[in-house]
């Protein structure tokens, strides 16, 4: 694999999320259905690894903090999706 054929950029509308498949249903679902919503809500930043055709090869998200959902006030809870705290792969 030649890494110079890939670049890391912020997720935007130009990236085709529907065809992405990493082999993990939970991660695929998050990326295709929730990642852009979390970015809009400023809950995290999502970066994608794309090839020279702008095809998504992978993604990762960054969040500046983590708090248990039950500790948030009701206003914040309404803005954020609920996720399992532990995922098994």
PDB file of N, CA and C in Angstrom:
ATOM      1  N   UNK A   1       0.841  -1.171   0.000  1.00  0.00           N
ATOM      2  CA  UNK A   1       0.000   0.000   0.000  1.00  0.00           C
ATOM      3  C   UNK A   1       0.889   1.238   0.000  1.00  0.00           C
ATOM      4  N   UNK A   2       0.642   2.131  -0.922  1.00  0.00           N
ATOM      5  CA  UNK A   2       1.388   3.378  -1.006  1.00  0.00           C
ATOM      6  C   UNK A   2       0.603   4.467  -0.281  1.00  0.00           C
ATOM      7  N   UNK A   3       1.093   4.883   0.877  1.00  0.00           N
ATOM      8  CA  UNK A   3       0.379   5.864   1.687  1.00  0.00           C
ATOM      9  C   UNK A   3       0.301   7.237   1.037  1.00  0.00           C
ATOM     10  N   UNK A   4       1.167   7.515   0.082  1.00  0.00           N
ATOM     11  CA  UNK A   4       1.114   8.818  -0.583  1.00  0.00           C
ATOM     12  C   UNK A   4      -0.132   8.950  -1.453  1.00  0.00           C
ATOM     13  N   UNK A   5      -0.846   7.844  -1.686  1.00  0.00           N
ATOM     14  CA  UNK A   5      -2.090   7.886  -2.458  1.00  0.00           C
ATOM     15  C   UNK A   5      -3.294   8.249  -1.589  1.00  0.00           C
ATOM     16  N   UNK A   6      -3.073   8.467  -0.287  1.00  0.00           N
ATOM     17  CA  UNK A   6      -4.154   8.765   0.641  1.00  0.00           C
ATOM     18  C   UNK A   6      -3.897  10.092   1.340  1.00  0.00           C
ATOM     19  N   UNK A   7      -4.995  10.705   1.768  1.00  0.00           N
ATOM     20  CA  UNK A   7      -4.881  11.928   2.567  1.00  0.00           C
ATOM     21  C   UNK A   7      -5.971  11.916   3.628  1.00  0.00           C
ATOM     22  N   UNK A   8      -5.763  12.682   4.681  1.00  0.00           N
ATOM     23  CA  UNK A   8      -6.719  12.780   5.779  1.00  0.00           C
ATOM     24  C   UNK A   8      -7.347  14.158   5.732  1.00  0.00           C
ATOM     25  N   UNK A   9      -8.683  14.188   5.693  1.00  0.00           N
ATOM     26  CA  UNK A   9      -9.423  15.449   5.609  1.00  0.00           C
ATOM     27  C   UNK A   9     -10.642  15.373   6.522  1.00  0.00           C
ATOM     28  N   UNK A  10     -11.208  16.532   6.822  1.00  0.00           N
ATOM     29  CA  UNK A  10     -12.446  16.563   7.590  1.00  0.00           C
ATOM     30  C   UNK A  10     -13.594  16.009   6.753  1.00  0.00           C
ATOM     31  N   UNK A  11     -14.484  15.280   7.384  1.00  0.00           N
ATOM     32  CA  UNK A  11     -15.669  14.762   6.720  1.00  0.00           C
ATOM     33  C   UNK A  11     -16.518  15.925   6.219  1.00  0.00           C
ATOM     34  N   UNK A  12     -16.968  15.834   4.980  1.00  0.00           N
ATOM     35  CA  UNK A  12     -17.901  16.826   4.452  1.00  0.00           C
ATOM     36  C   UNK A  12     -18.886  16.152   3.505  1.00  0.00           C
ATOM     37  N   UNK A  13     -19.768  16.930   2.906  1.00  0.00           N
ATOM     38  CA  UNK A  13     -20.833  16.384   2.064  1.00  0.00           C
ATOM     39  C   UNK A  13     -20.318  15.714   0.795  1.00  0.00           C
ATOM     40  N   UNK A  14     -19.090  15.991   0.403  1.00  0.00           N
ATOM     41  CA  UNK A  14     -18.555  15.398  -0.828  1.00  0.00           C
ATOM     42  C   UNK A  14     -18.170  13.929  -0.658  1.00  0.00           C
ATOM     43  N   UNK A  15     -18.098  13.468   0.579  1.00  0.00           N
ATOM     44  CA  UNK A  15     -17.678  12.087   0.835  1.00  0.00           C
ATOM     45  C   UNK A  15     -18.874  11.137   0.808  1.00  0.00           C
ATOM     46  N   UNK A  16     -18.760  10.076   0.021  1.00  0.00           N
ATOM     47  CA  UNK A  16     -19.812   9.074  -0.119  1.00  0.00           C
ATOM     48  C   UNK A  16     -19.742   8.113   1.061  1.00  0.00           C
ATOM     49  N   UNK A  17     -20.637   8.313   2.019  1.00  0.00           N
ATOM     50  CA  UNK A  17     -20.652   7.468   3.217  1.00  0.00           C
ATOM     51  C   UNK A  17     -21.420   6.184   2.992  1.00  0.00           C
ATOM     52  N   UNK A  18     -22.340   6.172   2.051  1.00  0.00           N
ATOM     53  CA  UNK A  18     -23.216   5.007   1.837  1.00  0.00           C
ATOM     54  C   UNK A  18     -22.454   3.753   1.398  1.00  0.00           C
ATOM     55  N   UNK A  19     -21.364   3.913   0.662  1.00  0.00           N
ATOM     56  CA  UNK A  19     -20.627   2.750   0.155  1.00  0.00           C
ATOM     57  C   UNK A  19     -19.520   2.282   1.100  1.00  0.00           C
ATOM     58  N   UNK A  20     -19.314   2.992   2.202  1.00  0.00           N
ATOM     59  CA  UNK A  20     -18.254   2.633   3.147  1.00  0.00           C
ATOM     60  C   UNK A  20     -18.605   1.335   3.863  1.00  0.00           C
ATOM     61  N   UNK A  21     -17.631   0.446   3.983  1.00  0.00           N
ATOM     62  CA  UNK A  21     -17.813  -0.806   4.722  1.00  0.00           C
ATOM     63  C   UNK A  21     -16.482  -1.232   5.311  1.00  0.00           C
ATOM     64  N   UNK A  22     -16.369  -1.127   6.642  1.00  0.00           N
ATOM     65  CA  UNK A  22     -15.139  -1.521   7.322  1.00  0.00           C
ATOM     66  C   UNK A  22     -15.208  -2.952   7.832  1.00  0.00           C
ATOM     67  N   UNK A  23     -16.360  -3.600   7.645  1.00  0.00           N
ATOM     68  CA  UNK A  23     -16.522  -4.964   8.127  1.00  0.00           C
ATOM     69  C   UNK A  23     -17.134  -5.051   9.512  1.00  0.00           C
ATOM     70  N   UNK A  24     -17.443  -3.907  10.123  1.00  0.00           N
ATOM     71  CA  UNK A  24     -18.041  -3.884  11.459  1.00  0.00           C
ATOM     72  C   UNK A  24     -19.374  -3.142  11.356  1.00  0.00           C
ATOM     73  N   UNK A  25     -20.471  -3.833  11.579  1.00  0.00           N
ATOM     74  CA  UNK A  25     -21.797  -3.232  11.411  1.00  0.00           C
ATOM     75  C   UNK A  25     -22.028  -2.013  12.288  1.00  0.00           C
ATOM     76  N   UNK A  26     -21.540  -2.044  13.511  1.00  0.00           N
ATOM     77  CA  UNK A  26     -21.736  -0.918  14.428  1.00  0.00           C
ATOM     78  C   UNK A  26     -21.008   0.321  13.910  1.00  0.00           C
ATOM     79  N   UNK A  27     -19.763   0.164  13.507  1.00  0.00           N
ATOM     80  CA  UNK A  27     -19.009   1.308  12.983  1.00  0.00           C
ATOM     81  C   UNK A  27     -19.563   1.784  11.649  1.00  0.00           C
ATOM     82  N   UNK A  28     -19.960   0.845  10.789  1.00  0.00           N
ATOM     83  CA  UNK A  28     -20.570   1.238   9.510  1.00  0.00           C
ATOM     84  C   UNK A  28     -21.825   2.070   9.742  1.00  0.00           C
ATOM     85  N   UNK A  29     -22.666   1.618  10.659  1.00  0.00           N
ATOM     86  CA  UNK A  29     -23.903   2.348  10.956  1.00  0.00           C
ATOM     87  C   UNK A  29     -23.592   3.731  11.511  1.00  0.00           C
ATOM     88  N   UNK A  30     -22.653   3.811  12.434  1.00  0.00           N
ATOM     89  CA  UNK A  30     -22.292   5.119  12.980  1.00  0.00           C
ATOM     90  C   UNK A  30     -21.840   6.060  11.867  1.00  0.00           C
ATOM     91  N   UNK A  31     -20.943   5.598  11.018  1.00  0.00           N
ATOM     92  CA  UNK A  31     -20.392   6.463   9.976  1.00  0.00           C
ATOM     93  C   UNK A  31     -21.446   6.884   8.961  1.00  0.00           C
ATOM     94  N   UNK A  32     -22.304   5.962   8.553  1.00  0.00           N
ATOM     95  CA  UNK A  32     -23.290   6.297   7.517  1.00  0.00           C
ATOM     96  C   UNK A  32     -24.486   7.068   8.043  1.00  0.00           C
ATOM     97  N   UNK A  33     -24.825   6.913   9.334  1.00  0.00           N
ATOM     98  CA  UNK A  33     -26.045   7.534   9.850  1.00  0.00           C
ATOM     99  C   UNK A  33     -25.853   8.603  10.916  1.00  0.00           C
ATOM    100  N   UNK A  34     -24.740   8.578  11.636  1.00  0.00           N
ATOM    101  CA  UNK A  34     -24.636   9.465  12.786  1.00  0.00           C
ATOM    102  C   UNK A  34     -23.457  10.432  12.773  1.00  0.00           C
ATOM    103  N   UNK A  35     -22.374  10.091  12.127  1.00  0.00           N
ATOM    104  CA  UNK A  35     -21.147  10.907  12.207  1.00  0.00           C
ATOM    105  C   UNK A  35     -21.377  12.361  11.801  1.00  0.00           C
ATOM    106  N   UNK A  36     -22.056  12.588  10.689  1.00  0.00           N
ATOM    107  CA  UNK A  36     -22.257  13.969  10.240  1.00  0.00           C
ATOM    108  C   UNK A  36     -23.158  14.738  11.200  1.00  0.00           C
ATOM    109  N   UNK A  37     -24.113  14.050  11.825  1.00  0.00           N
ATOM    110  CA  UNK A  37     -24.969  14.716  12.812  1.00  0.00           C
ATOM    111  C   UNK A  37     -24.167  15.133  14.043  1.00  0.00           C
ATOM    112  N   UNK A  38     -23.260  14.273  14.482  1.00  0.00           N
ATOM    113  CA  UNK A  38     -22.418  14.621  15.624  1.00  0.00           C
ATOM    114  C   UNK A  38     -21.524  15.820  15.307  1.00  0.00           C
ATOM    115  N   UNK A  39     -21.034  15.889  14.085  1.00  0.00           N
ATOM    116  CA  UNK A  39     -20.206  17.034  13.672  1.00  0.00           C
ATOM    117  C   UNK A  39     -21.050  18.308  13.684  1.00  0.00           C
ATOM    118  N   UNK A  40     -22.256  18.244  13.126  1.00  0.00           N
ATOM    119  CA  UNK A  40     -23.146  19.419  13.110  1.00  0.00           C
ATOM    120  C   UNK A  40     -23.455  19.900  14.517  1.00  0.00           C
ATOM    121  N   UNK A  41     -23.601  18.966  15.436  1.00  0.00           N
ATOM    122  CA  UNK A  41     -23.916  19.303  16.835  1.00  0.00           C
ATOM    123  C   UNK A  41     -22.671  19.689  17.630  1.00  0.00           C
ATOM    124  N   UNK A  42     -21.527  19.618  16.975  1.00  0.00           N
ATOM    125  CA  UNK A  42     -20.228  19.924  17.599  1.00  0.00           C
ATOM    126  C   UNK A  42     -19.925  18.989  18.770  1.00  0.00           C
ATOM    127  N   UNK A  43     -20.399  17.754  18.650  1.00  0.00           N
ATOM    128  CA  UNK A  43     -20.105  16.750  19.665  1.00  0.00           C
ATOM    129  C   UNK A  43     -18.736  16.136  19.423  1.00  0.00           C
ATOM    130  N   UNK A  44     -18.270  16.173  18.165  1.00  0.00           N
ATOM    131  CA  UNK A  44     -16.940  15.666  17.837  1.00  0.00           C
ATOM    132  C   UNK A  44     -16.519  16.182  16.470  1.00  0.00           C
ATOM    133  N   UNK A  45     -15.311  15.832  16.091  1.00  0.00           N
ATOM    134  CA  UNK A  45     -14.807  16.083  14.740  1.00  0.00           C
ATOM    135  C   UNK A  45     -14.601  14.728  14.094  1.00  0.00           C
ATOM    136  N   UNK A  46     -14.927  14.634  12.818  1.00  0.00           N
ATOM    137  CA  UNK A  46     -14.766  13.368  12.112  1.00  0.00           C
ATOM    138  C   UNK A  46     -13.823  13.588  10.937  1.00  0.00           C
ATOM    139  N   UNK A  47     -12.780  12.783  10.888  1.00  0.00           N
ATOM    140  CA  UNK A  47     -11.802  12.844   9.802  1.00  0.00           C
ATOM    141  C   UNK A  47     -11.916  11.571   8.980  1.00  0.00           C
ATOM    142  N   UNK A  48     -11.718  11.720   7.674  1.00  0.00           N
ATOM    143  CA  UNK A  48     -11.755  10.568   6.788  1.00  0.00           C
ATOM    144  C   UNK A  48     -10.426  10.422   6.067  1.00  0.00           C
ATOM    145  N   UNK A  49     -10.064   9.189   5.815  1.00  0.00           N
ATOM    146  CA  UNK A  49      -8.910   8.870   4.983  1.00  0.00           C
ATOM    147  C   UNK A  49      -9.480   8.607   3.594  1.00  0.00           C
ATOM    148  N   UNK A  50      -9.043   9.394   2.614  1.00  0.00           N
ATOM    149  CA  UNK A  50      -9.571   9.249   1.259  1.00  0.00           C
ATOM    150  C   UNK A  50      -8.445   8.968   0.275  1.00  0.00           C
ATOM    151  N   UNK A  51      -8.805   8.272  -0.814  1.00  0.00           N
ATOM    152  CA  UNK A  51      -7.830   8.027  -1.873  1.00  0.00           C
ATOM    153  C   UNK A  51      -7.871   9.178  -2.878  1.00  0.00           C
ATOM    154  N   UNK A  52      -7.122   9.073  -3.963  1.00  0.00           N
ATOM    155  CA  UNK A  52      -7.056  10.188  -4.920  1.00  0.00           C
ATOM    156  C   UNK A  52      -8.372  10.420  -5.647  1.00  0.00           C
ATOM    157  N   UNK A  53      -9.309   9.467  -5.559  1.00  0.00           N
ATOM    158  CA  UNK A  53     -10.643   9.634  -6.146  1.00  0.00           C
ATOM    159  C   UNK A  53     -11.662  10.135  -5.124  1.00  0.00           C
ATOM    160  N   UNK A  54     -11.182  10.526  -3.941  1.00  0.00           N
ATOM    161  CA  UNK A  54     -12.013  11.006  -2.840  1.00  0.00           C
ATOM    162  C   UNK A  54     -12.904   9.905  -2.260  1.00  0.00           C
ATOM    163  N   UNK A  55     -12.546   8.645  -2.478  1.00  0.00           N
ATOM    164  CA  UNK A  55     -13.278   7.503  -1.926  1.00  0.00           C
ATOM    165  C   UNK A  55     -12.805   7.267  -0.494  1.00  0.00           C
ATOM    166  N   UNK A  56     -13.733   7.115   0.433  1.00  0.00           N
ATOM    167  CA  UNK A  56     -13.400   6.938   1.843  1.00  0.00           C
ATOM    168  C   UNK A  56     -12.821   5.549   2.087  1.00  0.00           C
ATOM    169  N   UNK A  57     -11.616   5.520   2.685  1.00  0.00           N
ATOM    170  CA  UNK A  57     -10.950   4.262   3.022  1.00  0.00           C
ATOM    171  C   UNK A  57     -11.026   3.985   4.521  1.00  0.00           C
ATOM    172  N   UNK A  58     -11.306   5.010   5.315  1.00  0.00           N
ATOM    173  CA  UNK A  58     -11.393   4.855   6.759  1.00  0.00           C
ATOM    174  C   UNK A  58     -11.803   6.166   7.397  1.00  0.00           C
ATOM    175  N   UNK A  59     -12.072   6.140   8.691  1.00  0.00           N
ATOM    176  CA  UNK A  59     -12.440   7.364   9.403  1.00  0.00           C
ATOM    177  C   UNK A  59     -12.038   7.249  10.864  1.00  0.00           C
ATOM    178  N   UNK A  60     -11.964   8.399  11.516  1.00  0.00           N
ATOM    179  CA  UNK A  60     -11.822   8.417  12.968  1.00  0.00           C
ATOM    180  C   UNK A  60     -12.459   9.686  13.496  1.00  0.00           C
ATOM    181  N   UNK A  61     -12.847   9.666  14.743  1.00  0.00           N
ATOM    182  CA  UNK A  61     -13.473  10.824  15.365  1.00  0.00           C
ATOM    183  C   UNK A  61     -12.660  11.251  16.571  1.00  0.00           C
ATOM    184  N   UNK A  62     -12.746  12.532  16.863  1.00  0.00           N
ATOM    185  CA  UNK A  62     -12.081  13.097  18.031  1.00  0.00           C
ATOM    186  C   UNK A  62     -13.101  13.866  18.855  1.00  0.00           C
ATOM    187  N   UNK A  63     -13.014  13.696  20.136  1.00  0.00           N
ATOM    188  CA  UNK A  63     -13.883  14.414  21.058  1.00  0.00           C
ATOM    189  C   UNK A  63     -12.992  14.978  22.160  1.00  0.00           C
ATOM    190  N   UNK A  64     -13.228  16.220  22.512  1.00  0.00           N
ATOM    191  CA  UNK A  64     -12.341  16.860  23.488  1.00  0.00           C
ATOM    192  C   UNK A  64     -12.602  16.410  24.918  1.00  0.00           C
ATOM    193  N   UNK A  65     -13.752  15.819  25.174  1.00  0.00           N
ATOM    194  CA  UNK A  65     -14.066  15.399  26.535  1.00  0.00           C
ATOM    195  C   UNK A  65     -15.054  14.245  26.510  1.00  0.00           C
ATOM    196  N   UNK A  66     -15.165  13.609  27.644  1.00  0.00           N
ATOM    197  CA  UNK A  66     -16.131  12.531  27.774  1.00  0.00           C
ATOM    198  C   UNK A  66     -16.826  12.658  29.121  1.00  0.00           C
ATOM    199  N   UNK A  67     -18.137  12.543  29.098  1.00  0.00           N
ATOM    200  CA  UNK A  67     -18.931  12.583  30.324  1.00  0.00           C
ATOM    201  C   UNK A  67     -19.981  11.500  30.247  1.00  0.00           C
ATOM    202  N   UNK A  68     -20.262  10.862  31.348  1.00  0.00           N
ATOM    203  CA  UNK A  68     -21.362   9.894  31.349  1.00  0.00           C
ATOM    204  C   UNK A  68     -22.677  10.595  30.988  1.00  0.00           C
ATOM    205  N   UNK A  69     -23.470   9.963  30.141  1.00  0.00           N
ATOM    206  CA  UNK A  69     -24.719  10.555  29.655  1.00  0.00           C
ATOM    207  C   UNK A  69     -25.621  10.996  30.804  1.00  0.00           C
ATOM    208  N   UNK A  70     -25.719  10.187  31.841  1.00  0.00           N
ATOM    209  CA  UNK A  70     -26.624  10.496  32.954  1.00  0.00           C
ATOM    210  C   UNK A  70     -26.215  11.745  33.737  1.00  0.00           C
ATOM    211  N   UNK A  71     -24.992  12.241  33.540  1.00  0.00           N
ATOM    212  CA  UNK A  71     -24.536  13.444  34.241  1.00  0.00           C
ATOM    213  C   UNK A  71     -24.831  14.738  33.478  1.00  0.00           C
ATOM    214  N   UNK A  72     -25.327  14.635  32.264  1.00  0.00           N
ATOM    215  CA  UNK A  72     -25.637  15.819  31.468  1.00  0.00           C
ATOM    216  C   UNK A  72     -27.005  16.379  31.841  1.00  0.00           C
ATOM    217  N   UNK A  73     -27.174  17.707  31.635  1.00  0.00           N
ATOM    218  CA  UNK A  73     -28.496  18.281  31.878  1.00  0.00           C
ATOM    219  C   UNK A  73     -29.422  17.948  30.707  1.00  0.00           C
ATOM    220  N   UNK A  74     -30.710  18.134  30.902  1.00  0.00           N
ATOM    221  CA  UNK A  74     -31.698  17.728  29.899  1.00  0.00           C
ATOM    222  C   UNK A  74     -31.515  18.437  28.563  1.00  0.00           C
ATOM    223  N   UNK A  75     -31.092  19.687  28.564  1.00  0.00           N
ATOM    224  CA  UNK A  75     -30.878  20.423  27.316  1.00  0.00           C
ATOM    225  C   UNK A  75     -29.798  19.761  26.481  1.00  0.00           C
ATOM    226  N   UNK A  76     -28.693  19.395  27.091  1.00  0.00           N
ATOM    227  CA  UNK A  76     -27.616  18.726  26.363  1.00  0.00           C
ATOM    228  C   UNK A  76     -28.015  17.323  25.922  1.00  0.00           C
ATOM    229  N   UNK A  77     -28.742  16.620  26.767  1.00  0.00           N
ATOM    230  CA  UNK A  77     -29.166  15.265  26.420  1.00  0.00           C
ATOM    231  C   UNK A  77     -29.997  15.246  25.143  1.00  0.00           C
ATOM    232  N   UNK A  78     -30.815  16.265  24.940  1.00  0.00           N
ATOM    233  CA  UNK A  78     -31.661  16.332  23.750  1.00  0.00           C
ATOM    234  C   UNK A  78     -30.844  16.507  22.478  1.00  0.00           C
ATOM    235  N   UNK A  79     -29.656  17.086  22.591  1.00  0.00           N
ATOM    236  CA  UNK A  79     -28.829  17.372  21.417  1.00  0.00           C
ATOM    237  C   UNK A  79     -27.924  16.211  21.018  1.00  0.00           C
ATOM    238  N   UNK A  80     -27.716  15.276  21.919  1.00  0.00           N
ATOM    239  CA  UNK A  80     -26.752  14.215  21.661  1.00  0.00           C
ATOM    240  C   UNK A  80     -27.400  12.848  21.542  1.00  0.00           C
ATOM    241  N   UNK A  81     -26.822  12.043  20.698  1.00  0.00           N
ATOM    242  CA  UNK A  81     -27.282  10.658  20.569  1.00  0.00           C
ATOM    243  C   UNK A  81     -26.711   9.834  21.713  1.00  0.00           C
ATOM    244  N   UNK A  82     -27.378   8.762  22.056  1.00  0.00           N
ATOM    245  CA  UNK A  82     -26.883   7.867  23.098  1.00  0.00           C
ATOM    246  C   UNK A  82     -26.147   6.714  22.448  1.00  0.00           C
ATOM    247  N   UNK A  83     -24.968   6.424  22.956  1.00  0.00           N
ATOM    248  CA  UNK A  83     -24.149   5.324  22.451  1.00  0.00           C
ATOM    249  C   UNK A  83     -23.812   4.395  23.591  1.00  0.00           C
ATOM    250  N   UNK A  84     -23.552   3.161  23.252  1.00  0.00           N
ATOM    251  CA  UNK A  84     -23.061   2.224  24.261  1.00  0.00           C
ATOM    252  C   UNK A  84     -21.680   2.688  24.705  1.00  0.00           C
ATOM    253  N   UNK A  85     -21.393   2.563  25.989  1.00  0.00           N
ATOM    254  CA  UNK A  85     -20.086   3.015  26.474  1.00  0.00           C
ATOM    255  C   UNK A  85     -18.971   2.040  26.119  1.00  0.00           C
ATOM    256  N   UNK A  86     -19.301   0.785  25.874  1.00  0.00           N
ATOM    257  CA  UNK A  86     -18.308  -0.206  25.467  1.00  0.00           C
ATOM    258  C   UNK A  86     -18.818  -0.946  24.252  1.00  0.00           C
ATOM    259  N   UNK A  87     -17.955  -1.090  23.255  1.00  0.00           N
ATOM    260  CA  UNK A  87     -18.299  -1.841  22.063  1.00  0.00           C
ATOM    261  C   UNK A  87     -17.421  -3.075  22.004  1.00  0.00           C
ATOM    262  N   UNK A  88     -17.990  -4.170  21.603  1.00  0.00           N
ATOM    263  CA  UNK A  88     -17.203  -5.394  21.426  1.00  0.00           C
ATOM    264  C   UNK A  88     -17.032  -5.613  19.939  1.00  0.00           C
ATOM    265  N   UNK A  89     -15.801  -5.846  19.538  1.00  0.00           N
ATOM    266  CA  UNK A  89     -15.512  -6.044  18.107  1.00  0.00           C
ATOM    267  C   UNK A  89     -15.230  -7.484  17.817  1.00  0.00           C
TER     268      UNK A  89
END
